[in-house]
Amino acid sequence: MIGDINAKYVVMCIGINQKNLDLFSNLPLRPVSGNSILAEVNFNATHIVNNKISVINTSKNNVHAGSTYHNGFENMGTDKVENQLKKIIKKKYKIKQYKFGIRPATRDRRPFVGRHPKFNNLFILNGLGSKGVSQSPHCSKELLNYIELNKNLDKEINIERIKNVGE
């Protein structure tokens, strides 16, 4: 049991707000801002297209395209995303929504994945930065195998590489 939560396992994936909690507050997350767009277009890719931005089908005639990358909290607009999207899809599209967000990143550009040193059923998967779309499947599988099959985590993403985790 952790606080009011009664669960076999808890995996924290809460983004940059992780810094505000005591549980993994010693992990050095840093803010990275980015802009993206949701667009209506007939672009039926069967995979993620990654060419300076990622383009992902969210439904039959809609894509999510982004994102830009800026250290800190600055909103730089979507011009770069729109220009790159034009090069990738080479079709007319209609912008449905502009988005801006803050992603958690790490200094070494490697995600934080692992078990809390004091709470055996508390885990973290965070710090994916601008590579969340491409890294989250691998990191999720690593964490699942670590929890359920007792396999070692990839040392590149294991939080044990950071000293004083959760203290």
Foldseek 3Di string as FASTA:
>chain_A
DPVPDDDQAAEDAPFPCVCVDLQFVPADWFKKKWKKFKKFAQDDDPDWDDDVWTWDDPDRGIIIIYIDTDGDQDDPDCPVRVVVVCVVPVDDIGTDDMDMDIGIAHPVLAWAWDAGPPDRRYIYTGHNGRCCVPCVVVRVVQNCCCVPVVDDHDPRHYNVVDPPGSD
